[in-house]
Amino acid sequence: MSNKLEAYLEEISHYLSGRAEREEILSEIRSHILEKATAEHGGTDDAAIDRAIDAYGPPRRVAERYAEDRPIIAPAYKRYLVRYTSLLFAFHAFLTVVAVVFQKDFVIFPFLFMPRLNVFTALMYLPTAFLADLGVVAVVLYFVTQSGKDVKLPWPKFGVDLDEVKPPKASVWQLVGRIIGAVVMLAITDFALYLFVRYKTIFLYSLHGGDFKPILTPGAGRYVSLIVIAMLAVSTIANLIRIFTRTRWVNVVSNVLSLGLIGLLLGQSFDGLFAMPIAEKALPAIRYSVRFSLLFVAVMIAIELVKDLVRLGHRKLARSGIGGERIPGSDLQNRG
């Protein structure tokens, strides 16, 4: 037997799953190549087999053609991937908020471990949790698909499905609204930049009509002001781009950047933060109100981010599809 044929079959096997099915497919490919070598090249010597292999196609493409009727996740379950991931991530996000608020960790071995988190690490943790939840659901649906059984999975429904909501058609007034929103955000950003250039901070106060004075200390005032200006700039750029396109990737990118910037704000210490005199008793209330407000905004942004990712993921699945009909062996045999 040709060494090149065995090496060719070995490389194809790397792209196939299931031992029994893999051996069956490799045996079929071996037969096709030997028949092709005999019919088209006059024998089964090494030179004839080499030419038949060259005409048969690259190993990965051959494996893909044979595996088209063995999808990783069956088309019937592709909506479950989105739905189950969303529900699992919602539960994960709830536990994350609980862990932050009560500063507790949760262990349900071996299913769940929720470490003790602060607000900043929680914002960094949630995207990783979303990917982990997506992976868990994908693995479960993979095994359901590979079992070959007709498994009826529950379909929890809360309100209207995200993929069933059709975005309204753009109208002239919506375009005008986007333009006005972009202009307003641009004006606010420009004003914030003006204050920063003039006072090195955007957080100012004035008593009885006197001169403006900084609310925060110089170092903290510059740091926090730059973060806020960056958030305004992200929102302004996103609004300007939305005038020309309605792609949800604009929302995804702007929301991810906004979450990162909010995380930097939440990581700012309150020790020595204020330059203006503030009663000692009022500091805890200010600290908690500011952090709660930022956390609330972050949660709202995170929800919108997940919604956009779910819609994009569902659209990707709907366009690409999973599975397909297997190309018969005769078609492969005649290929090339």
C-alpha atoms as a PDB file:
ATOM      1  CA  MET A   1       0.000   0.000   0.000  1.00  0.00           C
ATOM      2  CA  SER A   2       1.291   3.475  -0.883  1.00  0.00           C
ATOM      3  CA  ASN A   3       2.842   5.351   2.018  1.00  0.00           C
ATOM      4  CA  LYS A   4       1.462   8.573   0.605  1.00  0.00           C
ATOM      5  CA  LEU A   5      -2.070   7.128   0.622  1.00  0.00           C
ATOM      6  CA  GLU A   6      -1.742   6.085   4.261  1.00  0.00           C
ATOM      7  CA  ALA A   7      -0.362   9.501   5.203  1.00  0.00           C
ATOM      8  CA  TYR A   8      -3.208  11.144   3.259  1.00  0.00           C
ATOM      9  CA  LEU A   9      -5.830   9.069   5.063  1.00  0.00           C
ATOM     10  CA  GLU A  10      -4.147   9.724   8.404  1.00  0.00           C
ATOM     11  CA  GLU A  11      -4.362  13.491   7.819  1.00  0.00           C
ATOM     12  CA  ILE A  12      -8.029  13.227   6.830  1.00  0.00           C
ATOM     13  CA  SER A  13      -8.733  11.287  10.045  1.00  0.00           C
ATOM     14  CA  HIS A  14      -7.579  14.273  12.100  1.00  0.00           C
ATOM     15  CA  TYR A  15     -10.645  16.208  10.913  1.00  0.00           C
ATOM     16  CA  LEU A  16     -13.176  13.425  11.578  1.00  0.00           C
ATOM     17  CA  SER A  17     -14.863  12.461  14.840  1.00  0.00           C
ATOM     18  CA  GLY A  18     -16.331   9.166  16.008  1.00  0.00           C
ATOM     19  CA  ARG A  19     -14.096   6.116  15.728  1.00  0.00           C
ATOM     20  CA  ALA A  20     -16.562   3.813  13.940  1.00  0.00           C
ATOM     21  CA  GLU A  21     -17.702   6.478  11.483  1.00  0.00           C
ATOM     22  CA  ARG A  22     -14.124   7.604  10.921  1.00  0.00           C
ATOM     23  CA  GLU A  23     -12.984   4.100   9.961  1.00  0.00           C
ATOM     24  CA  GLU A  24     -15.962   3.709   7.635  1.00  0.00           C
ATOM     25  CA  ILE A  25     -15.237   7.010   5.892  1.00  0.00           C
ATOM     26  CA  LEU A  26     -11.511   6.296   5.544  1.00  0.00           C
ATOM     27  CA  SER A  27     -12.254   2.873   4.074  1.00  0.00           C
ATOM     28  CA  GLU A  28     -14.620   4.462   1.554  1.00  0.00           C
ATOM     29  CA  ILE A  29     -12.046   7.110   0.595  1.00  0.00           C
ATOM     30  CA  ARG A  30      -9.350   4.448   0.193  1.00  0.00           C
ATOM     31  CA  SER A  31     -11.593   2.479  -2.156  1.00  0.00           C
ATOM     32  CA  HIS A  32     -12.446   5.585  -4.186  1.00  0.00           C
ATOM     33  CA  ILE A  33      -8.795   6.546  -4.600  1.00  0.00           C
ATOM     34  CA  LEU A  34      -7.740   3.038  -5.629  1.00  0.00           C
ATOM     35  CA  GLU A  35     -10.612   2.835  -8.124  1.00  0.00           C
ATOM     36  CA  LYS A  36      -9.728   6.271  -9.464  1.00  0.00           C
ATOM     37  CA  ALA A  37      -6.058   5.315  -9.826  1.00  0.00           C
ATOM     38  CA  THR A  38      -6.966   2.124 -11.721  1.00  0.00           C
ATOM     39  CA  ALA A  39      -9.584   3.733 -13.964  1.00  0.00           C
ATOM     40  CA  GLU A  40      -7.755   6.935 -14.829  1.00  0.00           C
ATOM     41  CA  HIS A  41      -4.078   6.122 -14.421  1.00  0.00           C
ATOM     42  CA  GLY A  42      -3.884   2.440 -15.347  1.00  0.00           C
ATOM     43  CA  GLY A  43      -2.977   0.797 -12.060  1.00  0.00           C
ATOM     44  CA  THR A  44      -2.341   1.096  -8.324  1.00  0.00           C
ATOM     45  CA  ASP A  45       1.376   1.814  -8.342  1.00  0.00           C
ATOM     46  CA  ASP A  46       2.732   4.720  -6.299  1.00  0.00           C
ATOM     47  CA  ALA A  47       2.737   7.152  -9.220  1.00  0.00           C
ATOM     48  CA  ALA A  48      -0.895   6.398 -10.149  1.00  0.00           C
ATOM     49  CA  ILE A  49      -2.048   6.696  -6.527  1.00  0.00           C
ATOM     50  CA  ASP A  50      -0.159   9.972  -6.114  1.00  0.00           C
ATOM     51  CA  ARG A  51      -1.956  11.459  -9.129  1.00  0.00           C
ATOM     52  CA  ALA A  52      -5.330  10.179  -7.868  1.00  0.00           C
ATOM     53  CA  ILE A  53      -4.691  11.770  -4.449  1.00  0.00           C
ATOM     54  CA  ASP A  54      -3.740  15.086  -6.037  1.00  0.00           C
ATOM     55  CA  ALA A  55      -7.013  15.070  -7.988  1.00  0.00           C
ATOM     56  CA  TYR A  56      -9.083  14.009  -4.977  1.00  0.00           C
ATOM     57  CA  GLY A  57      -8.524  17.223  -3.040  1.00  0.00           C
ATOM     58  CA  PRO A  58      -6.900  18.610   0.142  1.00  0.00           C
ATOM     59  CA  PRO A  59      -7.459  16.427   3.246  1.00  0.00           C
ATOM     60  CA  ARG A  60      -9.415  19.051   5.172  1.00  0.00           C
ATOM     61  CA  ARG A  61     -11.801  19.743   2.277  1.00  0.00           C
ATOM     62  CA  VAL A  62     -12.386  16.019   1.755  1.00  0.00           C
ATOM     63  CA  ALA A  63     -13.139  15.540   5.457  1.00  0.00           C
ATOM     64  CA  GLU A  64     -15.537  18.502   5.412  1.00  0.00           C
ATOM     65  CA  ARG A  65     -17.486  17.051   2.498  1.00  0.00           C
ATOM     66  CA  TYR A  66     -17.912  13.750   4.285  1.00  0.00           C
ATOM     67  CA  ALA A  67     -18.806  15.401   7.585  1.00  0.00           C
ATOM     68  CA  GLU A  68     -21.473  17.750   6.217  1.00  0.00           C
ATOM     69  CA  ASP A  69     -24.290  15.473   7.368  1.00  0.00           C
ATOM     70  CA  ARG A  70     -22.740  15.166  10.831  1.00  0.00           C
ATOM     71  CA  PRO A  71     -23.101  18.706  12.217  1.00  0.00           C
ATOM     72  CA  ILE A  72     -21.533  19.717  15.510  1.00  0.00           C
ATOM     73  CA  ILE A  73     -24.907  21.106  16.607  1.00  0.00           C
ATOM     74  CA  ALA A  74     -28.029  20.083  14.704  1.00  0.00           C
ATOM     75  CA  PRO A  75     -29.876  22.909  12.910  1.00  0.00           C
ATOM     76  CA  ALA A  76     -32.939  22.156  15.031  1.00  0.00           C
ATOM     77  CA  TYR A  77     -30.974  23.142  18.148  1.00  0.00           C
ATOM     78  CA  LYS A  78     -29.264  26.303  16.919  1.00  0.00           C
ATOM     79  CA  ARG A  79     -31.881  28.564  18.535  1.00  0.00           C
ATOM     80  CA  TYR A  80     -31.444  26.670  21.792  1.00  0.00           C
ATOM     81  CA  LEU A  81     -27.788  27.673  21.801  1.00  0.00           C
ATOM     82  CA  VAL A  82     -28.757  31.352  21.916  1.00  0.00           C
ATOM     83  CA  ARG A  83     -31.688  30.923  24.296  1.00  0.00           C
ATOM     84  CA  TYR A  84     -29.968  28.688  26.847  1.00  0.00           C
ATOM     85  CA  THR A  85     -26.789  30.776  26.819  1.00  0.00           C
ATOM     86  CA  SER A  86     -28.821  33.932  27.499  1.00  0.00           C
ATOM     87  CA  LEU A  87     -30.690  32.365  30.422  1.00  0.00           C
ATOM     88  CA  LEU A  88     -27.557  30.830  31.924  1.00  0.00           C
ATOM     89  CA  PHE A  89     -25.686  34.103  31.623  1.00  0.00           C
ATOM     90  CA  ALA A  90     -28.586  36.008  33.234  1.00  0.00           C
ATOM     91  CA  PHE A  91     -28.386  33.654  36.224  1.00  0.00           C
ATOM     92  CA  HIS A  92     -24.589  34.050  36.256  1.00  0.00           C
ATOM     93  CA  ALA A  93     -24.902  37.852  36.164  1.00  0.00           C
ATOM     94  CA  PHE A  94     -27.385  37.768  39.080  1.00  0.00           C
ATOM     95  CA  LEU A  95     -24.975  35.731  41.187  1.00  0.00           C
ATOM     96  CA  THR A  96     -22.201  38.141  40.251  1.00  0.00           C
ATOM     97  CA  VAL A  97     -24.215  41.083  41.573  1.00  0.00           C
ATOM     98  CA  VAL A  98     -24.946  39.126  44.772  1.00  0.00           C
ATOM     99  CA  ALA A  99     -21.236  38.326  45.174  1.00  0.00           C
ATOM    100  CA  VAL A 100     -20.332  42.004  44.792  1.00  0.00           C
ATOM    101  CA  VAL A 101     -23.036  43.345  47.091  1.00  0.00           C
ATOM    102  CA  PHE A 102     -22.628  40.799  49.909  1.00  0.00           C
ATOM    103  CA  GLN A 103     -18.906  40.105  49.354  1.00  0.00           C
ATOM    104  CA  LYS A 104     -19.497  36.361  49.504  1.00  0.00           C
ATOM    105  CA  ASP A 105     -18.303  33.470  47.387  1.00  0.00           C
ATOM    106  CA  PHE A 106     -20.567  30.607  46.265  1.00  0.00           C
ATOM    107  CA  VAL A 107     -19.605  27.014  45.614  1.00  0.00           C
ATOM    108  CA  ILE A 108     -21.954  24.353  44.238  1.00  0.00           C
ATOM    109  CA  PHE A 109     -19.408  21.670  43.428  1.00  0.00           C
ATOM    110  CA  PRO A 110     -18.814  20.712  40.660  1.00  0.00           C
ATOM    111  CA  PHE A 111     -21.310  22.941  38.852  1.00  0.00           C
ATOM    112  CA  LEU A 112     -20.621  26.460  40.060  1.00  0.00           C
ATOM    113  CA  PHE A 113     -17.924  28.517  41.717  1.00  0.00           C
ATOM    114  CA  MET A 114     -18.534  32.219  42.186  1.00  0.00           C
ATOM    115  CA  PRO A 115     -15.530  33.957  43.783  1.00  0.00           C
ATOM    116  CA  ARG A 116     -15.760  37.020  45.966  1.00  0.00           C
ATOM    117  CA  LEU A 117     -15.563  40.017  43.642  1.00  0.00           C
ATOM    118  CA  ASN A 118     -15.351  43.751  43.811  1.00  0.00           C
ATOM    119  CA  VAL A 119     -17.089  45.934  41.257  1.00  0.00           C
ATOM    120  CA  PHE A 120     -14.092  46.324  38.946  1.00  0.00           C
ATOM    121  CA  THR A 121     -13.218  42.617  38.845  1.00  0.00           C
ATOM    122  CA  ALA A 122     -16.906  41.772  38.359  1.00  0.00           C
ATOM    123  CA  LEU A 123     -17.021  43.855  35.175  1.00  0.00           C
ATOM    124  CA  MET A 124     -13.917  42.048  33.924  1.00  0.00           C
ATOM    125  CA  TYR A 125     -15.365  38.697  35.017  1.00  0.00           C
ATOM    126  CA  LEU A 126     -18.722  38.901  33.219  1.00  0.00           C
ATOM    127  CA  PRO A 127     -17.417  38.641  29.611  1.00  0.00           C
ATOM    128  CA  THR A 128     -15.444  35.541  30.612  1.00  0.00           C
ATOM    129  CA  ALA A 129     -18.555  34.125  32.271  1.00  0.00           C
ATOM    130  CA  PHE A 130     -20.541  34.697  29.074  1.00  0.00           C
ATOM    131  CA  LEU A 131     -17.986  32.764  27.005  1.00  0.00           C
ATOM    132  CA  ALA A 132     -17.954  29.966  29.593  1.00  0.00           C
ATOM    133  CA  ASP A 133     -21.758  29.740  29.553  1.00  0.00           C
ATOM    134  CA  LEU A 134     -21.728  29.657  25.755  1.00  0.00           C
ATOM    135  CA  GLY A 135     -19.187  26.829  25.859  1.00  0.00           C
ATOM    136  CA  VAL A 136     -21.196  24.793  28.371  1.00  0.00           C
ATOM    137  CA  VAL A 137     -24.394  25.075  26.341  1.00  0.00           C
ATOM    138  CA  ALA A 138     -22.537  24.254  23.110  1.00  0.00           C
ATOM    139  CA  VAL A 139     -21.024  21.106  24.660  1.00  0.00           C
ATOM    140  CA  VAL A 140     -24.425  19.926  25.915  1.00  0.00           C
ATOM    141  CA  LEU A 141     -26.060  20.496  22.522  1.00  0.00           C
ATOM    142  CA  TYR A 142     -23.107  18.776  20.830  1.00  0.00           C
ATOM    143  CA  PHE A 143     -23.667  15.603  22.848  1.00  0.00           C
ATOM    144  CA  VAL A 144     -27.424  15.805  22.221  1.00  0.00           C
ATOM    145  CA  THR A 145     -26.739  16.077  18.480  1.00  0.00           C
ATOM    146  CA  GLN A 146     -24.188  13.262  18.433  1.00  0.00           C
ATOM    147  CA  SER A 147     -26.512  10.945  20.342  1.00  0.00           C
ATOM    148  CA  GLY A 148     -28.744  10.811  17.263  1.00  0.00           C
ATOM    149  CA  LYS A 149     -31.845  10.627  19.451  1.00  0.00           C
ATOM    150  CA  ASP A 150     -34.930  12.791  19.092  1.00  0.00           C
ATOM    151  CA  VAL A 151     -34.496  14.784  22.290  1.00  0.00           C
ATOM    152  CA  LYS A 152     -37.214  17.315  23.039  1.00  0.00           C
ATOM    153  CA  LEU A 153     -35.624  20.148  24.974  1.00  0.00           C
ATOM    154  CA  PRO A 154     -37.687  22.639  26.981  1.00  0.00           C
ATOM    155  CA  TRP A 155     -38.131  26.051  25.407  1.00  0.00           C
ATOM    156  CA  PRO A 156     -38.416  28.655  28.190  1.00  0.00           C
ATOM    157  CA  LYS A 157     -39.949  31.864  26.918  1.00  0.00           C
ATOM    158  CA  PHE A 158     -40.078  35.148  28.757  1.00  0.00           C
ATOM    159  CA  GLY A 159     -41.764  37.829  26.707  1.00  0.00           C
ATOM    160  CA  VAL A 160     -40.948  38.129  23.027  1.00  0.00           C
ATOM    161  CA  ASP A 161     -37.952  36.325  21.567  1.00  0.00           C
ATOM    162  CA  LEU A 162     -35.107  38.657  20.660  1.00  0.00           C
ATOM    163  CA  ASP A 163     -34.830  37.139  17.202  1.00  0.00           C
ATOM    164  CA  GLU A 164     -38.540  37.678  16.620  1.00  0.00           C
ATOM    165  CA  VAL A 165     -38.243  41.418  17.183  1.00  0.00           C
ATOM    166  CA  LYS A 166     -37.747  43.128  13.858  1.00  0.00           C
ATOM    167  CA  PRO A 167     -36.050  46.518  14.010  1.00  0.00           C
ATOM    168  CA  PRO A 168     -38.248  49.331  12.710  1.00  0.00           C
ATOM    169  CA  LYS A 169     -37.491  50.627   9.268  1.00  0.00           C
ATOM    170  CA  ALA A 170     -35.391  53.732   9.284  1.00  0.00           C
ATOM    171  CA  SER A 171     -37.375  56.882   8.573  1.00  0.00           C
ATOM    172  CA  VAL A 172     -36.395  60.455   7.868  1.00  0.00           C
ATOM    173  CA  TRP A 173     -37.340  61.481  11.407  1.00  0.00           C
ATOM    174  CA  GLN A 174     -35.184  58.734  12.890  1.00  0.00           C
ATOM    175  CA  LEU A 175     -32.268  59.939  10.816  1.00  0.00           C
ATOM    176  CA  VAL A 176     -32.919  63.500  11.980  1.00  0.00           C
ATOM    177  CA  GLY A 177     -33.006  62.227  15.574  1.00  0.00           C
ATOM    178  CA  ARG A 178     -29.651  60.511  15.134  1.00  0.00           C
ATOM    179  CA  ILE A 179     -28.130  63.651  13.680  1.00  0.00           C
ATOM    180  CA  ILE A 180     -29.476  65.795  16.532  1.00  0.00           C
ATOM    181  CA  GLY A 181     -28.215  63.267  19.093  1.00  0.00           C
ATOM    182  CA  ALA A 182     -24.775  63.236  17.498  1.00  0.00           C
ATOM    183  CA  VAL A 183     -24.637  67.055  17.435  1.00  0.00           C
ATOM    184  CA  VAL A 184     -25.691  67.302  21.098  1.00  0.00           C
ATOM    185  CA  MET A 185     -23.096  64.716  22.192  1.00  0.00           C
ATOM    186  CA  LEU A 186     -20.440  66.478  20.116  1.00  0.00           C
ATOM    187  CA  ALA A 187     -21.286  69.799  21.819  1.00  0.00           C
ATOM    188  CA  ILE A 188     -21.146  68.215  25.292  1.00  0.00           C
ATOM    189  CA  THR A 189     -17.800  66.574  24.511  1.00  0.00           C
ATOM    190  CA  ASP A 190     -16.375  69.826  23.172  1.00  0.00           C
ATOM    191  CA  PHE A 191     -17.525  71.700  26.285  1.00  0.00           C
ATOM    192  CA  ALA A 192     -15.940  69.063  28.530  1.00  0.00           C
ATOM    193  CA  LEU A 193     -12.681  69.389  26.591  1.00  0.00           C
ATOM    194  CA  TYR A 194     -12.830  73.189  26.959  1.00  0.00           C
ATOM    195  CA  LEU A 195     -13.240  72.901  30.742  1.00  0.00           C
ATOM    196  CA  PHE A 196     -10.407  70.384  30.962  1.00  0.00           C
ATOM    197  CA  VAL A 197      -8.020  72.521  28.918  1.00  0.00           C
ATOM    198  CA  ARG A 198      -8.811  75.599  30.994  1.00  0.00           C
ATOM    199  CA  TYR A 199      -9.122  74.115  34.508  1.00  0.00           C
ATOM    200  CA  LYS A 200      -7.399  70.692  34.170  1.00  0.00           C
ATOM    201  CA  THR A 201     -10.664  69.146  35.377  1.00  0.00           C
ATOM    202  CA  ILE A 202     -14.333  69.089  34.445  1.00  0.00           C
ATOM    203  CA  PHE A 203     -15.567  68.821  38.049  1.00  0.00           C
ATOM    204  CA  LEU A 204     -15.994  72.379  39.332  1.00  0.00           C
ATOM    205  CA  TYR A 205     -18.094  74.318  41.808  1.00  0.00           C
ATOM    206  CA  SER A 206     -18.704  77.983  42.527  1.00  0.00           C
ATOM    207  CA  LEU A 207     -20.082  79.632  45.669  1.00  0.00           C
ATOM    208  CA  HIS A 208     -22.083  82.832  45.466  1.00  0.00           C
ATOM    209  CA  GLY A 209     -21.079  83.482  41.864  1.00  0.00           C
ATOM    210  CA  GLY A 210     -17.366  83.437  42.630  1.00  0.00           C
ATOM    211  CA  ASP A 211     -14.547  81.790  40.706  1.00  0.00           C
ATOM    212  CA  PHE A 212     -14.783  78.167  39.770  1.00  0.00           C
ATOM    213  CA  LYS A 213     -12.891  75.791  42.037  1.00  0.00           C
ATOM    214  CA  PRO A 214     -12.097  72.101  41.527  1.00  0.00           C
ATOM    215  CA  ILE A 215     -14.199  69.555  43.367  1.00  0.00           C
ATOM    216  CA  LEU A 216     -11.513  66.877  43.182  1.00  0.00           C
ATOM    217  CA  THR A 217      -7.817  66.955  43.985  1.00  0.00           C
ATOM    218  CA  PRO A 218      -5.536  67.761  41.004  1.00  0.00           C
ATOM    219  CA  GLY A 219      -4.334  64.207  40.307  1.00  0.00           C
ATOM    220  CA  ALA A 220      -7.709  62.547  40.783  1.00  0.00           C
ATOM    221  CA  GLY A 221      -9.481  65.367  38.953  1.00  0.00           C
ATOM    222  CA  ARG A 222      -7.348  64.914  35.820  1.00  0.00           C
ATOM    223  CA  TYR A 223      -7.652  61.109  35.907  1.00  0.00           C
ATOM    224  CA  VAL A 224     -11.416  60.989  36.404  1.00  0.00           C
ATOM    225  CA  SER A 225     -12.007  63.850  33.954  1.00  0.00           C
ATOM    226  CA  LEU A 226     -10.064  62.090  31.196  1.00  0.00           C
ATOM    227  CA  ILE A 227     -12.092  58.911  31.730  1.00  0.00           C
ATOM    228  CA  VAL A 228     -15.391  60.813  31.564  1.00  0.00           C
ATOM    229  CA  ILE A 229     -14.251  62.685  28.445  1.00  0.00           C
ATOM    230  CA  ALA A 230     -13.278  59.364  26.869  1.00  0.00           C
ATOM    231  CA  MET A 231     -16.762  58.011  27.621  1.00  0.00           C
ATOM    232  CA  LEU A 232     -18.346  61.069  26.038  1.00  0.00           C
ATOM    233  CA  ALA A 233     -16.069  60.704  23.006  1.00  0.00           C
ATOM    234  CA  VAL A 234     -17.014  57.025  22.592  1.00  0.00           C
ATOM    235  CA  SER A 235     -20.709  57.911  22.712  1.00  0.00           C
ATOM    236  CA  THR A 236     -20.203  60.795  20.261  1.00  0.00           C
ATOM    237  CA  ILE A 237     -18.300  58.680  17.747  1.00  0.00           C
ATOM    238  CA  ALA A 238     -20.895  55.901  18.006  1.00  0.00           C
ATOM    239  CA  ASN A 239     -23.718  58.389  17.367  1.00  0.00           C
ATOM    240  CA  LEU A 240     -21.895  59.803  14.350  1.00  0.00           C
ATOM    241  CA  ILE A 241     -21.353  56.329  12.896  1.00  0.00           C
ATOM    242  CA  ARG A 242     -25.025  55.422  13.451  1.00  0.00           C
ATOM    243  CA  ILE A 243     -25.981  58.195  11.034  1.00  0.00           C
ATOM    244  CA  PHE A 244     -24.445  56.174   8.203  1.00  0.00           C
ATOM    245  CA  THR A 245     -24.979  52.555   9.327  1.00  0.00           C
ATOM    246  CA  ARG A 246     -27.322  50.534  11.537  1.00  0.00           C
ATOM    247  CA  THR A 247     -24.961  47.644  12.269  1.00  0.00           C
ATOM    248  CA  ARG A 248     -25.110  46.382  15.826  1.00  0.00           C
ATOM    249  CA  TRP A 249     -21.323  46.097  15.939  1.00  0.00           C
ATOM    250  CA  VAL A 250     -21.242  49.832  16.608  1.00  0.00           C
ATOM    251  CA  ASN A 251     -23.259  49.242  19.790  1.00  0.00           C
ATOM    252  CA  VAL A 252     -21.103  46.261  20.777  1.00  0.00           C
ATOM    253  CA  VAL A 253     -17.812  48.135  20.449  1.00  0.00           C
ATOM    254  CA  SER A 254     -19.081  51.290  22.171  1.00  0.00           C
ATOM    255  CA  ASN A 255     -20.624  49.290  25.033  1.00  0.00           C
ATOM    256  CA  VAL A 256     -17.452  47.259  25.574  1.00  0.00           C
ATOM    257  CA  LEU A 257     -15.361  50.438  25.690  1.00  0.00           C
ATOM    258  CA  SER A 258     -17.865  52.099  28.032  1.00  0.00           C
ATOM    259  CA  LEU A 259     -17.800  49.123  30.413  1.00  0.00           C
ATOM    260  CA  GLY A 260     -14.018  49.239  30.519  1.00  0.00           C
ATOM    261  CA  LEU A 261     -14.043  52.967  31.290  1.00  0.00           C
ATOM    262  CA  ILE A 262     -16.692  52.526  33.990  1.00  0.00           C
ATOM    263  CA  GLY A 263     -14.508  49.811  35.482  1.00  0.00           C
ATOM    264  CA  LEU A 264     -11.653  52.335  35.719  1.00  0.00           C
ATOM    265  CA  LEU A 265     -13.968  54.799  37.471  1.00  0.00           C
ATOM    266  CA  LEU A 266     -15.113  52.140  39.932  1.00  0.00           C
ATOM    267  CA  GLY A 267     -11.497  51.350  40.713  1.00  0.00           C
ATOM    268  CA  GLN A 268     -10.817  54.944  41.766  1.00  0.00           C
ATOM    269  CA  SER A 269     -10.218  55.256  45.505  1.00  0.00           C
ATOM    270  CA  PHE A 270     -12.220  57.778  47.515  1.00  0.00           C
ATOM    271  CA  ASP A 271      -9.332  58.435  49.900  1.00  0.00           C
ATOM    272  CA  GLY A 272      -8.086  61.973  49.340  1.00  0.00           C
ATOM    273  CA  LEU A 273     -10.400  62.358  46.365  1.00  0.00           C
ATOM    274  CA  PHE A 274     -12.168  65.611  47.208  1.00  0.00           C
ATOM    275  CA  ALA A 275     -10.517  69.027  47.244  1.00  0.00           C
ATOM    276  CA  MET A 276     -13.631  70.817  48.491  1.00  0.00           C
ATOM    277  CA  PRO A 277     -14.603  70.526  52.161  1.00  0.00           C
ATOM    278  CA  ILE A 278     -17.062  67.681  52.752  1.00  0.00           C
ATOM    279  CA  ALA A 279     -18.450  66.516  56.095  1.00  0.00           C
ATOM    280  CA  GLU A 280     -16.936  63.237  57.235  1.00  0.00           C
ATOM    281  CA  LYS A 281     -20.369  61.736  57.819  1.00  0.00           C
ATOM    282  CA  ALA A 282     -21.420  62.471  54.235  1.00  0.00           C
ATOM    283  CA  LEU A 283     -18.511  60.584  52.622  1.00  0.00           C
ATOM    284  CA  PRO A 284     -19.965  57.054  53.026  1.00  0.00           C
ATOM    285  CA  ALA A 285     -23.277  58.129  51.507  1.00  0.00           C
ATOM    286  CA  ILE A 286     -21.493  59.808  48.590  1.00  0.00           C
ATOM    287  CA  ARG A 287     -19.263  56.764  48.065  1.00  0.00           C
ATOM    288  CA  TYR A 288     -22.140  54.299  47.979  1.00  0.00           C
ATOM    289  CA  SER A 289     -24.390  56.503  45.846  1.00  0.00           C
ATOM    290  CA  VAL A 290     -21.660  57.074  43.240  1.00  0.00           C
ATOM    291  CA  ARG A 291     -20.710  53.397  43.081  1.00  0.00           C
ATOM    292  CA  PHE A 292     -24.322  52.273  42.966  1.00  0.00           C
ATOM    293  CA  SER A 293     -25.053  54.712  40.143  1.00  0.00           C
ATOM    294  CA  LEU A 294     -22.024  53.542  38.155  1.00  0.00           C
ATOM    295  CA  LEU A 295     -22.885  49.910  38.791  1.00  0.00           C
ATOM    296  CA  PHE A 296     -26.477  50.498  37.673  1.00  0.00           C
ATOM    297  CA  VAL A 297     -25.272  52.143  34.455  1.00  0.00           C
ATOM    298  CA  ALA A 298     -22.803  49.292  33.925  1.00  0.00           C
ATOM    299  CA  VAL A 299     -25.542  46.680  34.355  1.00  0.00           C
ATOM    300  CA  MET A 300     -27.775  48.487  31.844  1.00  0.00           C
ATOM    301  CA  ILE A 301     -24.918  48.669  29.353  1.00  0.00           C
ATOM    302  CA  ALA A 302     -24.075  45.011  29.948  1.00  0.00           C
ATOM    303  CA  ILE A 303     -27.694  44.015  29.283  1.00  0.00           C
ATOM    304  CA  GLU A 304     -27.703  45.925  25.999  1.00  0.00           C
ATOM    305  CA  LEU A 305     -24.346  44.355  25.112  1.00  0.00           C
ATOM    306  CA  VAL A 306     -25.674  40.841  25.712  1.00  0.00           C
ATOM    307  CA  LYS A 307     -28.811  41.616  23.668  1.00  0.00           C
ATOM    308  CA  ASP A 308     -26.719  42.823  20.734  1.00  0.00           C
ATOM    309  CA  LEU A 309     -24.385  39.818  20.955  1.00  0.00           C
ATOM    310  CA  VAL A 310     -27.359  37.450  21.053  1.00  0.00           C
ATOM    311  CA  ARG A 311     -28.944  39.105  18.019  1.00  0.00           C
ATOM    312  CA  LEU A 312     -25.646  39.044  16.126  1.00  0.00           C
ATOM    313  CA  GLY A 313     -25.037  35.426  17.081  1.00  0.00           C
ATOM    314  CA  HIS A 314     -28.520  34.361  16.030  1.00  0.00           C
ATOM    315  CA  ARG A 315     -28.167  36.225  12.737  1.00  0.00           C
ATOM    316  CA  LYS A 316     -24.809  34.521  12.141  1.00  0.00           C
ATOM    317  CA  LEU A 317     -26.334  31.096  12.779  1.00  0.00           C
ATOM    318  CA  ALA A 318     -29.315  31.880  10.584  1.00  0.00           C
ATOM    319  CA  ARG A 319     -27.108  32.979   7.686  1.00  0.00           C
ATOM    320  CA  SER A 320     -24.498  30.227   7.875  1.00  0.00           C
ATOM    321  CA  GLY A 321     -26.727  27.372   8.975  1.00  0.00           C
ATOM    322  CA  ILE A 322     -25.393  24.134  10.401  1.00  0.00           C
ATOM    323  CA  GLY A 323     -25.279  20.862   8.576  1.00  0.00           C
ATOM    324  CA  GLY A 324     -26.248  20.057   5.032  1.00  0.00           C
ATOM    325  CA  GLU A 325     -26.532  17.135   2.716  1.00  0.00           C
ATOM    326  CA  ARG A 326     -23.603  14.821   2.271  1.00  0.00           C
ATOM    327  CA  ILE A 327     -22.020  14.728  -1.147  1.00  0.00           C
ATOM    328  CA  PRO A 328     -22.391  11.207  -2.489  1.00  0.00           C
ATOM    329  CA  GLY A 329     -19.315   9.096  -3.016  1.00  0.00           C
ATOM    330  CA  SER A 330     -19.886   9.122  -6.745  1.00  0.00           C
ATOM    331  CA  ASP A 331     -19.536  12.911  -6.783  1.00  0.00           C
ATOM    332  CA  LEU A 332     -16.288  12.668  -4.890  1.00  0.00           C
ATOM    333  CA  GLN A 333     -15.126   9.993  -7.215  1.00  0.00           C
ATOM    334  CA  ASN A 334     -15.728  12.182 -10.228  1.00  0.00           C
ATOM    335  CA  ARG A 335     -14.147  15.230  -8.646  1.00  0.00           C
ATOM    336  CA  GLY A 336     -11.063  16.494 -10.431  1.00  0.00           C
END
